[in-house]
Amino acid sequence: MNPPNDSRGGQPSQHPRSEDAKASMSKTQTLLRIFIVVALGSFFVYQLDISYLWLSAILTAAAIVLGIMVLIRAVRLKESKLVLFGAISGLAVAAMQVLLLLTSALFFTQVRDYQQCIDHALTERAASQCKTQLDEAMPYQLGQN
């Protein structure tokens, strides 16, 4: 025999979600979207100029907080595996962004000089000279390839 149908046009009956569960899922998905936008925003702001390192750091911190909130909601409320995967992978990206920001802050002057040099480099040779200058400006162990 065929499974029983409900009034929604012949779809097999499933456990309908309550309005609270739908609202909770919607809130979690919205938080996930905001988290992804903030994490990507942090990366793109960093790409603009090293002078915006502080803004990128603020956005990264906000992304980590949002990511943890999404992760907690996904686990506690047993949201979809996609939300859980998005939260975990987004937090991994945010962790790499933290490492990038810390490295840039540690070598701020060298990175700033490199960015200024590369902005004015019109040829491959000029860009290569900028990289050489950066290698020479780094501490001894880091400058060696």
Foldseek 3Di string as FASTA:
>chain_A
DDADADPPPRDHDDPDDDPVLVVLLVVLVVLLVVLVVLLVVLVVQVVPALVCLVVSVVSLVVSLVSLVVSCVSCVVVVHDVVSNVSSVVSNVSSVVSVVVSVVCVVVVVLRRQLVVQCVPDDDPVSNVVSLLSSLVPDPDVVSDD
